[in-house]
PDB file of N, CA and C in Angstrom:
ATOM      1  N   MET A   1     161.574 209.030  75.104  1.00  0.00           N
ATOM      2  CA  MET A   1     161.366 208.327  76.357  1.00  0.00           C
ATOM      3  C   MET A   1     161.264 209.347  77.484  1.00  0.00           C
ATOM      4  N   LYS A   2     160.320 209.161  78.332  1.00  0.00           N
ATOM      5  CA  LYS A   2     160.063 210.078  79.435  1.00  0.00           C
ATOM      6  C   LYS A   2     160.978 209.741  80.619  1.00  0.00           C
ATOM      7  N   PRO A   3     161.597 210.765  81.278  1.00  0.00           N
ATOM      8  CA  PRO A   3     162.463 210.478  82.426  1.00  0.00           C
ATOM      9  C   PRO A   3     161.655 209.900  83.587  1.00  0.00           C
ATOM     10  N   ALA A   4     162.357 209.161  84.450  1.00  0.00           N
ATOM     11  CA  ALA A   4     161.708 208.505  85.581  1.00  0.00           C
ATOM     12  C   ALA A   4     161.193 209.513  86.602  1.00  0.00           C
ATOM     13  N   PHE A   5     161.825 210.681  86.666  1.00  0.00           N
ATOM     14  CA  PHE A   5     161.385 211.700  87.607  1.00  0.00           C
ATOM     15  C   PHE A   5     161.643 213.059  86.984  1.00  0.00           C
ATOM     16  N   SER A   6     161.023 214.053  87.532  1.00  0.00           N
ATOM     17  CA  SER A   6     161.304 215.415  87.095  1.00  0.00           C
ATOM     18  C   SER A   6     161.580 216.259  88.334  1.00  0.00           C
ATOM     19  N   TYR A   7     162.298 217.348  88.144  1.00  0.00           N
ATOM     20  CA  TYR A   7     162.635 218.229  89.253  1.00  0.00           C
ATOM     21  C   TYR A   7     161.384 218.914  89.778  1.00  0.00           C
ATOM     22  N   HIS A   8     161.310 219.101  91.099  1.00  0.00           N
ATOM     23  CA  HIS A   8     160.211 219.841  91.700  1.00  0.00           C
ATOM     24  C   HIS A   8     160.396 221.312  91.360  1.00  0.00           C
ATOM     25  N   GLN A   9     159.372 221.938  90.838  1.00  0.00           N
ATOM     26  CA  GLN A   9     159.435 223.348  90.471  1.00  0.00           C
ATOM     27  C   GLN A   9     159.090 224.198  91.695  1.00  0.00           C
ATOM     28  N   ILE A  10     160.013 225.076  92.104  1.00  0.00           N
ATOM     29  CA  ILE A  10     159.754 225.958  93.234  1.00  0.00           C
ATOM     30  C   ILE A  10     160.254 227.355  92.908  1.00  0.00           C
ATOM     31  N   LYS A  11     159.853 228.299  93.711  1.00  0.00           N
ATOM     32  CA  LYS A  11     160.432 229.639  93.687  1.00  0.00           C
ATOM     33  C   LYS A  11     161.266 229.758  94.951  1.00  0.00           C
ATOM     34  N   LYS A  12     162.428 230.355  94.841  1.00  0.00           N
ATOM     35  CA  LYS A  12     163.349 230.423  95.984  1.00  0.00           C
ATOM     36  C   LYS A  12     162.661 231.063  97.193  1.00  0.00           C
ATOM     37  N   GLN A  13     161.762 232.014  96.975  1.00  0.00           N
ATOM     38  CA  GLN A  13     161.079 232.668  98.073  1.00  0.00           C
ATOM     39  C   GLN A  13     160.145 231.705  98.809  1.00  0.00           C
ATOM     40  N   GLN A  14     159.707 230.633  98.145  1.00  0.00           N
ATOM     41  CA  GLN A  14     158.803 229.669  98.769  1.00  0.00           C
ATOM     42  C   GLN A  14     159.548 228.655  99.617  1.00  0.00           C
ATOM     43  N   PHE A  15     160.858 228.554  99.446  1.00  0.00           N
ATOM     44  CA  PHE A  15     161.647 227.540 100.138  1.00  0.00           C
ATOM     45  C   PHE A  15     162.286 228.155 101.363  1.00  0.00           C
ATOM     46  N   CYS A  16     162.063 227.552 102.538  1.00  0.00           N
ATOM     47  CA  CYS A  16     162.726 228.048 103.742  1.00  0.00           C
ATOM     48  C   CYS A  16     163.092 226.868 104.633  1.00  0.00           C
ATOM     49  N   ALA A  17     164.270 226.960 105.210  1.00  0.00           N
ATOM     50  CA  ALA A  17     164.729 225.938 106.148  1.00  0.00           C
ATOM     51  C   ALA A  17     164.133 226.241 107.518  1.00  0.00           C
ATOM     52  N   LEU A  18     163.941 225.223 108.319  1.00  0.00           N
ATOM     53  CA  LEU A  18     163.346 225.390 109.645  1.00  0.00           C
ATOM     54  C   LEU A  18     164.409 225.402 110.737  1.00  0.00           C
ATOM     55  N   ASN A  19     164.111 226.094 111.815  1.00  0.00           N
ATOM     56  CA  ASN A  19     164.951 226.154 113.021  1.00  0.00           C
ATOM     57  C   ASN A  19     166.406 226.460 112.684  1.00  0.00           C
ATOM     58  N   ASP A  20     167.341 225.549 113.029  1.00  0.00           N
ATOM     59  CA  ASP A  20     168.757 225.807 112.770  1.00  0.00           C
ATOM     60  C   ASP A  20     169.274 224.949 111.609  1.00  0.00           C
ATOM     61  N   ALA A  21     168.391 224.524 110.719  1.00  0.00           N
ATOM     62  CA  ALA A  21     168.750 223.641 109.615  1.00  0.00           C
ATOM     63  C   ALA A  21     169.701 224.326 108.634  1.00  0.00           C
ATOM     64  N   VAL A  22     170.564 223.518 108.016  1.00  0.00           N
ATOM     65  CA  VAL A  22     171.452 223.976 106.955  1.00  0.00           C
ATOM     66  C   VAL A  22     171.179 223.085 105.742  1.00  0.00           C
ATOM     67  N   ILE A  23     170.797 223.702 104.622  1.00  0.00           N
ATOM     68  CA  ILE A  23     170.498 222.991 103.379  1.00  0.00           C
ATOM     69  C   ILE A  23     171.609 223.304 102.387  1.00  0.00           C
ATOM     70  N   VAL A  24     172.216 222.266 101.798  1.00  0.00           N
ATOM     71  CA  VAL A  24     173.328 222.469 100.874  1.00  0.00           C
ATOM     72  C   VAL A  24     173.009 221.878  99.502  1.00  0.00           C
ATOM     73  N   SER A  25     173.739 222.368  98.508  1.00  0.00           N
ATOM     74  CA  SER A  25     173.680 221.827  97.153  1.00  0.00           C
ATOM     75  C   SER A  25     175.112 221.614  96.675  1.00  0.00           C
ATOM     76  N   ASP A  26     175.267 221.134  95.470  1.00  0.00           N
ATOM     77  CA  ASP A  26     176.572 220.979  94.810  1.00  0.00           C
ATOM     78  C   ASP A  26     177.522 220.014  95.502  1.00  0.00           C
ATOM     79  N   MET A  27     177.010 218.975  96.161  1.00  0.00           N
ATOM     80  CA  MET A  27     177.888 217.948  96.732  1.00  0.00           C
ATOM     81  C   MET A  27     178.230 216.955  95.622  1.00  0.00           C
ATOM     82  N   GLN A  28     179.487 216.534  95.554  1.00  0.00           N
ATOM     83  CA  GLN A  28     179.960 215.605  94.522  1.00  0.00           C
ATOM     84  C   GLN A  28     180.120 214.209  95.106  1.00  0.00           C
ATOM     85  N   PHE A  29     179.611 213.202  94.392  1.00  0.00           N
ATOM     86  CA  PHE A  29     179.673 211.820  94.859  1.00  0.00           C
ATOM     87  C   PHE A  29     180.292 210.886  93.828  1.00  0.00           C
ATOM     88  N   THR A  30     180.979 211.409  92.833  1.00  0.00           N
ATOM     89  CA  THR A  30     181.598 210.570  91.812  1.00  0.00           C
ATOM     90  C   THR A  30     183.000 210.164  92.220  1.00  0.00           C
ATOM     91  N   GLU A  31     183.540 209.109  91.573  1.00  0.00           N
ATOM     92  CA  GLU A  31     184.915 208.718  91.874  1.00  0.00           C
ATOM     93  C   GLU A  31     185.864 209.755  91.293  1.00  0.00           C
ATOM     94  N   ARG A  32     187.030 209.851  91.918  1.00  0.00           N
ATOM     95  CA  ARG A  32     188.006 210.857  91.514  1.00  0.00           C
ATOM     96  C   ARG A  32     189.370 210.202  91.350  1.00  0.00           C
ATOM     97  N   PHE A  33     190.236 210.891  90.635  1.00  0.00           N
ATOM     98  CA  PHE A  33     191.606 210.430  90.442  1.00  0.00           C
ATOM     99  C   PHE A  33     192.546 211.496  90.965  1.00  0.00           C
ATOM    100  N   THR A  34     193.575 211.085  91.709  1.00  0.00           N
ATOM    101  CA  THR A  34     194.584 212.048  92.136  1.00  0.00           C
ATOM    102  C   THR A  34     195.479 212.362  90.948  1.00  0.00           C
ATOM    103  N   LYS A  35     196.306 213.377  91.096  1.00  0.00           N
ATOM    104  CA  LYS A  35     197.217 213.741  90.010  1.00  0.00           C
ATOM    105  C   LYS A  35     198.190 212.618  89.691  1.00  0.00           C
ATOM    106  N   ASN A  36     198.415 211.714  90.634  1.00  0.00           N
ATOM    107  CA  ASN A  36     199.318 210.588  90.415  1.00  0.00           C
ATOM    108  C   ASN A  36     198.594 209.329  89.959  1.00  0.00           C
ATOM    109  N   GLY A  37     197.282 209.418  89.739  1.00  0.00           N
ATOM    110  CA  GLY A  37     196.537 208.292  89.198  1.00  0.00           C
ATOM    111  C   GLY A  37     195.885 207.380  90.217  1.00  0.00           C
ATOM    112  N   ILE A  38     195.910 207.738  91.494  1.00  0.00           N
ATOM    113  CA  ILE A  38     195.247 206.920  92.508  1.00  0.00           C
ATOM    114  C   ILE A  38     193.747 207.167  92.434  1.00  0.00           C
ATOM    115  N   VAL A  39     192.970 206.102  92.458  1.00  0.00           N
ATOM    116  CA  VAL A  39     191.518 206.213  92.371  1.00  0.00           C
ATOM    117  C   VAL A  39     190.940 206.397  93.759  1.00  0.00           C
ATOM    118  N   LEU A  40     190.152 207.465  93.946  1.00  0.00           N
ATOM    119  CA  LEU A  40     189.374 207.664  95.166  1.00  0.00           C
ATOM    120  C   LEU A  40     187.949 207.261  94.808  1.00  0.00           C
ATOM    121  N   LEU A  41     187.479 206.181  95.407  1.00  0.00           N
ATOM    122  CA  LEU A  41     186.200 205.603  95.026  1.00  0.00           C
ATOM    123  C   LEU A  41     185.033 206.534  95.320  1.00  0.00           C
ATOM    124  N   ASN A  42     183.952 206.284  94.580  1.00  0.00           N
ATOM    125  CA  ASN A  42     182.724 207.019  94.868  1.00  0.00           C
ATOM    126  C   ASN A  42     182.100 206.449  96.124  1.00  0.00           C
ATOM    127  N   ASP A  43     181.101 207.126  96.637  1.00  0.00           N
ATOM    128  CA  ASP A  43     180.456 206.716  97.874  1.00  0.00           C
ATOM    129  C   ASP A  43     179.403 205.663  97.550  1.00  0.00           C
ATOM    130  N   ASN A  44     179.643 204.430  97.988  1.00  0.00           N
ATOM    131  CA  ASN A  44     178.689 203.357  97.706  1.00  0.00           C
ATOM    132  C   ASN A  44     177.756 203.087  98.876  1.00  0.00           C
ATOM    133  N   GLY A  45     177.835 203.940  99.915  1.00  0.00           N
ATOM    134  CA  GLY A  45     176.955 203.763 101.062  1.00  0.00           C
ATOM    135  C   GLY A  45     177.427 202.708 102.037  1.00  0.00           C
ATOM    136  N   LYS A  46     178.582 202.131 101.800  1.00  0.00           N
ATOM    137  CA  LYS A  46     179.106 201.111 102.708  1.00  0.00           C
ATOM    138  C   LYS A  46     180.438 201.594 103.252  1.00  0.00           C
ATOM    139  N   SER A  47     181.555 201.019 102.770  1.00  0.00           N
ATOM    140  CA  SER A  47     182.852 201.416 103.308  1.00  0.00           C
ATOM    141  C   SER A  47     183.720 202.137 102.291  1.00  0.00           C
ATOM    142  N   SER A  48     183.471 201.935 101.007  1.00  0.00           N
ATOM    143  CA  SER A  48     184.286 202.588  99.991  1.00  0.00           C
ATOM    144  C   SER A  48     183.876 204.042  99.825  1.00  0.00           C
ATOM    145  N   GLY A  49     184.830 204.891  99.582  1.00  0.00           N
ATOM    146  CA  GLY A  49     184.534 206.290  99.302  1.00  0.00           C
ATOM    147  C   GLY A  49     184.170 207.106 100.516  1.00  0.00           C
ATOM    148  N   ILE A  50     184.487 206.612 101.709  1.00  0.00           N
ATOM    149  CA  ILE A  50     184.152 207.356 102.920  1.00  0.00           C
ATOM    150  C   ILE A  50     185.087 208.548 103.040  1.00  0.00           C
ATOM    151  N   ARG A  51     184.514 209.738 103.000  1.00  0.00           N
ATOM    152  CA  ARG A  51     185.296 210.962 103.157  1.00  0.00           C
ATOM    153  C   ARG A  51     184.324 212.122 103.338  1.00  0.00           C
ATOM    154  N   PRO A  52     184.794 213.225 103.898  1.00  0.00           N
ATOM    155  CA  PRO A  52     183.940 214.404 103.994  1.00  0.00           C
ATOM    156  C   PRO A  52     183.641 214.959 102.599  1.00  0.00           C
ATOM    157  N   ARG A  53     182.585 215.730 102.485  1.00  0.00           N
ATOM    158  CA  ARG A  53     182.183 216.331 101.205  1.00  0.00           C
ATOM    159  C   ARG A  53     181.998 217.827 101.383  1.00  0.00           C
ATOM    160  N   TRP A  54     182.294 218.571 100.318  1.00  0.00           N
ATOM    161  CA  TRP A  54     182.029 220.010 100.289  1.00  0.00           C
ATOM    162  C   TRP A  54     180.665 220.241  99.653  1.00  0.00           C
ATOM    163  N   GLY A  55     179.950 221.228 100.151  1.00  0.00           N
ATOM    164  CA  GLY A  55     178.677 221.632  99.582  1.00  0.00           C
ATOM    165  C   GLY A  55     178.477 223.119  99.780  1.00  0.00           C
ATOM    166  N   ARG A  56     177.678 223.722  98.910  1.00  0.00           N
ATOM    167  CA  ARG A  56     177.386 225.159  99.005  1.00  0.00           C
ATOM    168  C   ARG A  56     176.051 225.338  99.708  1.00  0.00           C
ATOM    169  N   ILE A  57     176.004 226.227 100.672  1.00  0.00           N
ATOM    170  CA  ILE A  57     174.776 226.434 101.441  1.00  0.00           C
ATOM    171  C   ILE A  57     173.731 227.121 100.569  1.00  0.00           C
ATOM    172  N   TYR A  58     172.579 226.472 100.451  1.00  0.00           N
ATOM    173  CA  TYR A  58     171.453 226.970  99.659  1.00  0.00           C
ATOM    174  C   TYR A  58     170.480 227.758 100.543  1.00  0.00           C
ATOM    175  N   ALA A  59     170.287 227.279 101.779  1.00  0.00           N
ATOM    176  CA  ALA A  59     169.363 227.951 102.702  1.00  0.00           C
ATOM    177  C   ALA A  59     169.738 227.595 104.136  1.00  0.00           C
ATOM    178  N   VAL A  60     169.436 228.499 105.052  1.00  0.00           N
ATOM    179  CA  VAL A  60     169.619 228.239 106.484  1.00  0.00           C
ATOM    180  C   VAL A  60     168.350 228.641 107.221  1.00  0.00           C
ATOM    181  N   GLY A  61     168.128 227.987 108.349  1.00  0.00           N
ATOM    182  CA  GLY A  61     166.958 228.291 109.168  1.00  0.00           C
ATOM    183  C   GLY A  61     167.136 229.594 109.930  1.00  0.00           C
ATOM    184  N   PRO A  62     166.045 230.154 110.441  1.00  0.00           N
ATOM    185  CA  PRO A  62     166.092 231.442 111.135  1.00  0.00           C
ATOM    186  C   PRO A  62     166.904 231.407 112.434  1.00  0.00           C
ATOM    187  N   ASN A  63     167.074 230.243 113.049  1.00  0.00           N
ATOM    188  CA  ASN A  63     167.844 230.140 114.294  1.00  0.00           C
ATOM    189  C   ASN A  63     169.321 229.834 114.049  1.00  0.00           C
ATOM    190  N   GLN A  64     169.714 229.709 112.795  1.00  0.00           N
ATOM    191  CA  GLN A  64     171.102 229.398 112.466  1.00  0.00           C
ATOM    192  C   GLN A  64     171.913 230.687 112.409  1.00  0.00           C
ATOM    193  N   LYS A  65     172.861 230.837 113.311  1.00  0.00           N
ATOM    194  CA  LYS A  65     173.652 232.076 113.402  1.00  0.00           C
ATOM    195  C   LYS A  65     175.085 231.892 112.913  1.00  0.00           C
ATOM    196  N   GLU A  66     175.542 230.636 112.758  1.00  0.00           N
ATOM    197  CA  GLU A  66     176.943 230.393 112.411  1.00  0.00           C
ATOM    198  C   GLU A  66     177.216 230.406 110.912  1.00  0.00           C
ATOM    199  N   PHE A  67     176.249 230.009 110.098  1.00  0.00           N
ATOM    200  CA  PHE A  67     176.478 229.826 108.671  1.00  0.00           C
ATOM    201  C   PHE A  67     175.538 230.710 107.862  1.00  0.00           C
ATOM    202  N   GLN A  68     175.990 231.085 106.644  1.00  0.00           N
ATOM    203  CA  GLN A  68     175.188 231.942 105.778  1.00  0.00           C
ATOM    204  C   GLN A  68     175.051 231.322 104.397  1.00  0.00           C
ATOM    205  N   VAL A  69     173.998 231.703 103.715  1.00  0.00           N
ATOM    206  CA  VAL A  69     173.754 231.239 102.353  1.00  0.00           C
ATOM    207  C   VAL A  69     174.931 231.659 101.475  1.00  0.00           C
ATOM    208  N   GLY A  70     175.376 230.734 100.624  1.00  0.00           N
ATOM    209  CA  GLY A  70     176.474 231.004  99.710  1.00  0.00           C
ATOM    210  C   GLY A  70     177.824 230.507 100.197  1.00  0.00           C
ATOM    211  N   GLN A  71     177.974 230.262 101.497  1.00  0.00           N
ATOM    212  CA  GLN A  71     179.233 229.718 102.011  1.00  0.00           C
ATOM    213  C   GLN A  71     179.401 228.284 101.537  1.00  0.00           C
ATOM    214  N   TRP A  72     180.644 227.854 101.417  1.00  0.00           N
ATOM    215  CA  TRP A  72     180.965 226.457 101.151  1.00  0.00           C
ATOM    216  C   TRP A  72     181.327 225.809 102.479  1.00  0.00           C
ATOM    217  N   VAL A  73     180.793 224.617 102.733  1.00  0.00           N
ATOM    218  CA  VAL A  73     181.060 223.918 103.980  1.00  0.00           C
ATOM    219  C   VAL A  73     181.528 222.497 103.690  1.00  0.00           C
ATOM    220  N   CYS A  74     182.434 222.023 104.516  1.00  0.00           N
ATOM    221  CA  CYS A  74     182.907 220.638 104.451  1.00  0.00           C
ATOM    222  C   CYS A  74     182.186 219.873 105.553  1.00  0.00           C
ATOM    223  N   VAL A  75     181.466 218.819 105.164  1.00  0.00           N
ATOM    224  CA  VAL A  75     180.605 218.088 106.086  1.00  0.00           C
ATOM    225  C   VAL A  75     181.189 216.693 106.317  1.00  0.00           C
ATOM    226  N   ALA A  76     181.235 216.262 107.578  1.00  0.00           N
ATOM    227  CA  ALA A  76     181.726 214.927 107.921  1.00  0.00           C
ATOM    228  C   ALA A  76     180.934 213.871 107.157  1.00  0.00           C
ATOM    229  N   HIS A  77     181.602 212.776 106.824  1.00  0.00           N
ATOM    230  CA  HIS A  77     180.982 211.734 106.002  1.00  0.00           C
ATOM    231  C   HIS A  77     179.666 211.231 106.594  1.00  0.00           C
ATOM    232  N   GLY A  78     178.666 211.171 105.728  1.00  0.00           N
ATOM    233  CA  GLY A  78     177.388 210.581 106.087  1.00  0.00           C
ATOM    234  C   GLY A  78     176.470 211.454 106.920  1.00  0.00           C
ATOM    235  N   ARG A  79     176.853 212.691 107.175  1.00  0.00           N
ATOM    236  CA  ARG A  79     176.043 213.562 108.021  1.00  0.00           C
ATOM    237  C   ARG A  79     175.135 214.459 107.176  1.00  0.00           C
ATOM    238  N   TRP A  80     174.519 213.859 106.145  1.00  0.00           N
ATOM    239  CA  TRP A  80     173.583 214.554 105.277  1.00  0.00           C
ATOM    240  C   TRP A  80     172.448 213.597 104.933  1.00  0.00           C
ATOM    241  N   THR A  81     171.356 214.157 104.455  1.00  0.00           N
ATOM    242  CA  THR A  81     170.196 213.345 104.089  1.00  0.00           C
ATOM    243  C   THR A  81     170.274 212.979 102.611  1.00  0.00           C
ATOM    244  N   ARG A  82     169.344 212.190 102.170  1.00  0.00           N
ATOM    245  CA  ARG A  82     169.219 211.919 100.738  1.00  0.00           C
ATOM    246  C   ARG A  82     168.787 213.216 100.055  1.00  0.00           C
ATOM    247  N   ALA A  83     169.055 213.282  98.775  1.00  0.00           N
ATOM    248  CA  ALA A  83     168.796 214.533  98.049  1.00  0.00           C
ATOM    249  C   ALA A  83     167.357 214.622  97.568  1.00  0.00           C
ATOM    250  N   ILE A  84     166.909 215.849  97.444  1.00  0.00           N
ATOM    251  CA  ILE A  84     165.664 216.157  96.747  1.00  0.00           C
ATOM    252  C   ILE A  84     166.060 217.045  95.571  1.00  0.00           C
ATOM    253  N   ASP A  85     165.519 216.757  94.408  1.00  0.00           N
ATOM    254  CA  ASP A  85     165.853 217.507  93.203  1.00  0.00           C
ATOM    255  C   ASP A  85     164.845 218.624  93.010  1.00  0.00           C
ATOM    256  N   ILE A  86     165.341 219.844  92.937  1.00  0.00           N
ATOM    257  CA  ILE A  86     164.457 220.998  92.728  1.00  0.00           C
ATOM    258  C   ILE A  86     164.970 221.826  91.556  1.00  0.00           C
ATOM    259  N   GLU A  87     164.077 222.614  91.019  1.00  0.00           N
ATOM    260  CA  GLU A  87     164.448 223.575  89.983  1.00  0.00           C
ATOM    261  C   GLU A  87     163.813 224.906  90.356  1.00  0.00           C
ATOM    262  N   ASP A  88     164.640 225.942  90.477  1.00  0.00           N
ATOM    263  CA  ASP A  88     164.129 227.282  90.741  1.00  0.00           C
ATOM    264  C   ASP A  88     164.518 228.186  89.573  1.00  0.00           C
ATOM    265  N   GLU A  89     164.333 229.474  89.753  1.00  0.00           N
ATOM    266  CA  GLU A  89     164.610 230.412  88.660  1.00  0.00           C
ATOM    267  C   GLU A  89     166.090 230.497  88.301  1.00  0.00           C
ATOM    268  N   HIS A  90     166.967 229.927  89.123  1.00  0.00           N
ATOM    269  CA  HIS A  90     168.410 229.987  88.863  1.00  0.00           C
ATOM    270  C   HIS A  90     168.972 228.677  88.306  1.00  0.00           C
ATOM    271  N   GLY A  91     168.223 227.599  88.318  1.00  0.00           N
ATOM    272  CA  GLY A  91     168.711 226.334  87.781  1.00  0.00           C
ATOM    273  C   GLY A  91     168.216 225.133  88.557  1.00  0.00           C
ATOM    274  N   GLN A  92     168.853 223.975  88.292  1.00  0.00           N
ATOM    275  CA  GLN A  92     168.483 222.726  88.939  1.00  0.00           C
ATOM    276  C   GLN A  92     169.488 222.414  90.043  1.00  0.00           C
ATOM    277  N   TYR A  93     168.978 221.898  91.157  1.00  0.00           N
ATOM    278  CA  TYR A  93     169.818 221.612  92.318  1.00  0.00           C
ATOM    279  C   TYR A  93     169.424 220.288  92.953  1.00  0.00           C
ATOM    280  N   ASN A  94     170.387 219.629  93.576  1.00  0.00           N
ATOM    281  CA  ASN A  94     170.149 218.495  94.462  1.00  0.00           C
ATOM    282  C   ASN A  94     170.380 219.028  95.864  1.00  0.00           C
ATOM    283  N   LEU A  95     169.328 219.110  96.663  1.00  0.00           N
ATOM    284  CA  LEU A  95     169.445 219.675  98.001  1.00  0.00           C
ATOM    285  C   LEU A  95     169.482 218.579  99.054  1.00  0.00           C
ATOM    286  N   ARG A  96     170.315 218.804 100.068  1.00  0.00           N
ATOM    287  CA  ARG A  96     170.442 217.886 101.189  1.00  0.00           C
ATOM    288  C   ARG A  96     170.483 218.692 102.479  1.00  0.00           C
ATOM    289  N   ARG A  97     169.901 218.143 103.534  1.00  0.00           N
ATOM    290  CA  ARG A  97     170.025 218.767 104.852  1.00  0.00           C
ATOM    291  C   ARG A  97     171.259 218.167 105.503  1.00  0.00           C
ATOM    292  N   VAL A  98     172.113 219.038 106.053  1.00  0.00           N
ATOM    293  CA  VAL A  98     173.304 218.554 106.751  1.00  0.00           C
ATOM    294  C   VAL A  98     173.177 218.871 108.228  1.00  0.00           C
ATOM    295  N   ASP A  99     173.880 218.103 109.035  1.00  0.00           N
ATOM    296  CA  ASP A  99     173.880 218.307 110.478  1.00  0.00           C
ATOM    297  C   ASP A  99     174.825 219.470 110.799  1.00  0.00           C
ATOM    298  N   PRO A 100     174.339 220.578 111.327  1.00  0.00           N
ATOM    299  CA  PRO A 100     175.208 221.731 111.600  1.00  0.00           C
ATOM    300  C   PRO A 100     176.354 221.408 112.555  1.00  0.00           C
ATOM    301  N   ASP A 101     176.160 220.433 113.444  1.00  0.00           N
ATOM    302  CA  ASP A 101     177.219 220.061 114.381  1.00  0.00           C
ATOM    303  C   ASP A 101     178.352 219.299 113.705  1.00  0.00           C
ATOM    304  N   ASP A 102     178.123 218.804 112.481  1.00  0.00           N
ATOM    305  CA  ASP A 102     179.137 218.032 111.774  1.00  0.00           C
ATOM    306  C   ASP A 102     179.728 218.782 110.586  1.00  0.00           C
ATOM    307  N   ILE A 103     179.598 220.088 110.583  1.00  0.00           N
ATOM    308  CA  ILE A 103     180.283 220.900 109.587  1.00  0.00           C
ATOM    309  C   ILE A 103     181.695 221.137 110.099  1.00  0.00           C
ATOM    310  N   LEU A 104     182.686 220.687 109.324  1.00  0.00           N
ATOM    311  CA  LEU A 104     184.077 220.712 109.755  1.00  0.00           C
ATOM    312  C   LEU A 104     184.792 222.008 109.396  1.00  0.00           C
ATOM    313  N   LEU A 105     184.528 222.544 108.198  1.00  0.00           N
ATOM    314  CA  LEU A 105     185.214 223.736 107.693  1.00  0.00           C
ATOM    315  C   LEU A 105     184.241 224.599 106.916  1.00  0.00           C
ATOM    316  N   THR A 106     184.561 225.884 106.796  1.00  0.00           N
ATOM    317  CA  THR A 106     183.784 226.770 105.940  1.00  0.00           C
ATOM    318  C   THR A 106     184.723 227.542 105.024  1.00  0.00           C
ATOM    319  N   SER A 107     184.196 227.979 103.891  1.00  0.00           N
ATOM    320  CA  SER A 107     184.965 228.775 102.948  1.00  0.00           C
ATOM    321  C   SER A 107     183.994 229.714 102.244  1.00  0.00           C
ATOM    322  N   GLU A 108     184.477 230.877 101.868  1.00  0.00           N
ATOM    323  CA  GLU A 108     183.621 231.856 101.192  1.00  0.00           C
ATOM    324  C   GLU A 108     183.553 231.632  99.686  1.00  0.00           C
ATOM    325  N   ARG A 109     184.437 230.819  99.143  1.00  0.00           N
ATOM    326  CA  ARG A 109     184.457 230.576  97.696  1.00  0.00           C
ATOM    327  C   ARG A 109     184.609 229.086  97.446  1.00  0.00           C
ATOM    328  N   PRO A 110     184.322 228.646  96.237  1.00  0.00           N
ATOM    329  CA  PRO A 110     184.444 227.212  95.944  1.00  0.00           C
ATOM    330  C   PRO A 110     185.846 226.711  96.259  1.00  0.00           C
ATOM    331  N   VAL A 111     185.919 225.554  96.847  1.00  0.00           N
ATOM    332  CA  VAL A 111     187.198 224.983  97.236  1.00  0.00           C
ATOM    333  C   VAL A 111     187.723 224.131  96.089  1.00  0.00           C
ATOM    334  N   GLN A 112     188.948 224.403  95.656  1.00  0.00           N
ATOM    335  CA  GLN A 112     189.574 223.592  94.622  1.00  0.00           C
ATOM    336  C   GLN A 112     190.086 222.313  95.258  1.00  0.00           C
ATOM    337  N   ASP A 113     189.542 221.213  94.851  1.00  0.00           N
ATOM    338  CA  ASP A 113     189.937 219.930  95.388  1.00  0.00           C
ATOM    339  C   ASP A 113     191.170 219.459  94.632  1.00  0.00           C
ATOM    340  N   GLU A 114     192.298 219.376  95.303  1.00  0.00           N
ATOM    341  CA  GLU A 114     193.564 219.051  94.659  1.00  0.00           C
ATOM    342  C   GLU A 114     193.646 217.610  94.182  1.00  0.00           C
ATOM    343  N   THR A 115     192.644 216.784  94.517  1.00  0.00           N
ATOM    344  CA  THR A 115     192.713 215.396  94.076  1.00  0.00           C
ATOM    345  C   THR A 115     192.155 215.217  92.673  1.00  0.00           C
ATOM    346  N   TRP A 116     191.527 216.229  92.102  1.00  0.00           N
ATOM    347  CA  TRP A 116     191.017 216.101  90.740  1.00  0.00           C
ATOM    348  C   TRP A 116     192.176 216.052  89.774  1.00  0.00           C
ATOM    349  N   SER A 117     192.050 215.282  88.745  1.00  0.00           N
ATOM    350  CA  SER A 117     193.087 215.157  87.732  1.00  0.00           C
ATOM    351  C   SER A 117     192.478 215.371  86.361  1.00  0.00           C
ATOM    352  N   GLU A 118     193.294 215.799  85.423  1.00  0.00           N
ATOM    353  CA  GLU A 118     192.840 215.963  84.044  1.00  0.00           C
ATOM    354  C   GLU A 118     192.982 214.661  83.266  1.00  0.00           C
ATOM    355  N   ALA A 119     193.520 213.613  83.913  1.00  0.00           N
ATOM    356  CA  ALA A 119     193.751 212.337  83.237  1.00  0.00           C
ATOM    357  C   ALA A 119     192.437 211.700  82.821  1.00  0.00           C
ATOM    358  N   ILE A 120     192.484 210.941  81.755  1.00  0.00           N
ATOM    359  CA  ILE A 120     191.322 210.225  81.262  1.00  0.00           C
ATOM    360  C   ILE A 120     191.494 208.759  81.613  1.00  0.00           C
ATOM    361  N   HIS A 121     190.459 208.165  82.200  1.00  0.00           N
ATOM    362  CA  HIS A 121     190.525 206.762  82.592  1.00  0.00           C
ATOM    363  C   HIS A 121     190.362 205.902  81.337  1.00  0.00           C
ATOM    364  N   VAL A 122     191.320 205.026  81.104  1.00  0.00           N
ATOM    365  CA  VAL A 122     191.285 204.150  79.938  1.00  0.00           C
ATOM    366  C   VAL A 122     191.286 202.704  80.414  1.00  0.00           C
ATOM    367  N   GLU A 123     190.365 201.913  79.879  1.00  0.00           N
ATOM    368  CA  GLU A 123     190.298 200.505  80.228  1.00  0.00           C
ATOM    369  C   GLU A 123     191.522 199.772  79.697  1.00  0.00           C
ATOM    370  N   ALA A 124     192.011 198.804  80.444  1.00  0.00           N
ATOM    371  CA  ALA A 124     193.155 198.009  80.006  1.00  0.00           C
ATOM    372  C   ALA A 124     192.747 197.156  78.809  1.00  0.00           C
ATOM    373  N   LYS A 125     193.632 197.056  77.837  1.00  0.00           N
ATOM    374  CA  LYS A 125     193.346 196.248  76.644  1.00  0.00           C
ATOM    375  C   LYS A 125     193.858 194.834  76.875  1.00  0.00           C
ATOM    376  N   SER A 126     193.118 193.860  76.405  1.00  0.00           N
ATOM    377  CA  SER A 126     193.541 192.470  76.603  1.00  0.00           C
ATOM    378  C   SER A 126     194.360 191.975  75.436  1.00  0.00           C
TER     379      SER A 126
END
């Protein structure tokens, strides 16, 4: 069976952000469990799962002086665009443009989210 879509094939040198744009990848939108078993819902686009997200900067525009490629940034909820799926020489990515004014935090390395748990979700038996 053929997939509904395929990743856009690009070369990293062909991709450039405009003006002061910040393009990120690696944003997570799945539901999570805290170490104590509390469920943090996924983002359904309405009211559930509203929270900031971390993403890794894939590209920045030439006028962007505050952020650099490779940094991790925490972006206020909903301040990103829908994703475009691309594949370059390094792998497959979901890229989103984020609003530079709504970047809350930066980090030089991946941020360990303490709400992740190793627990396995098991359906209740009747």
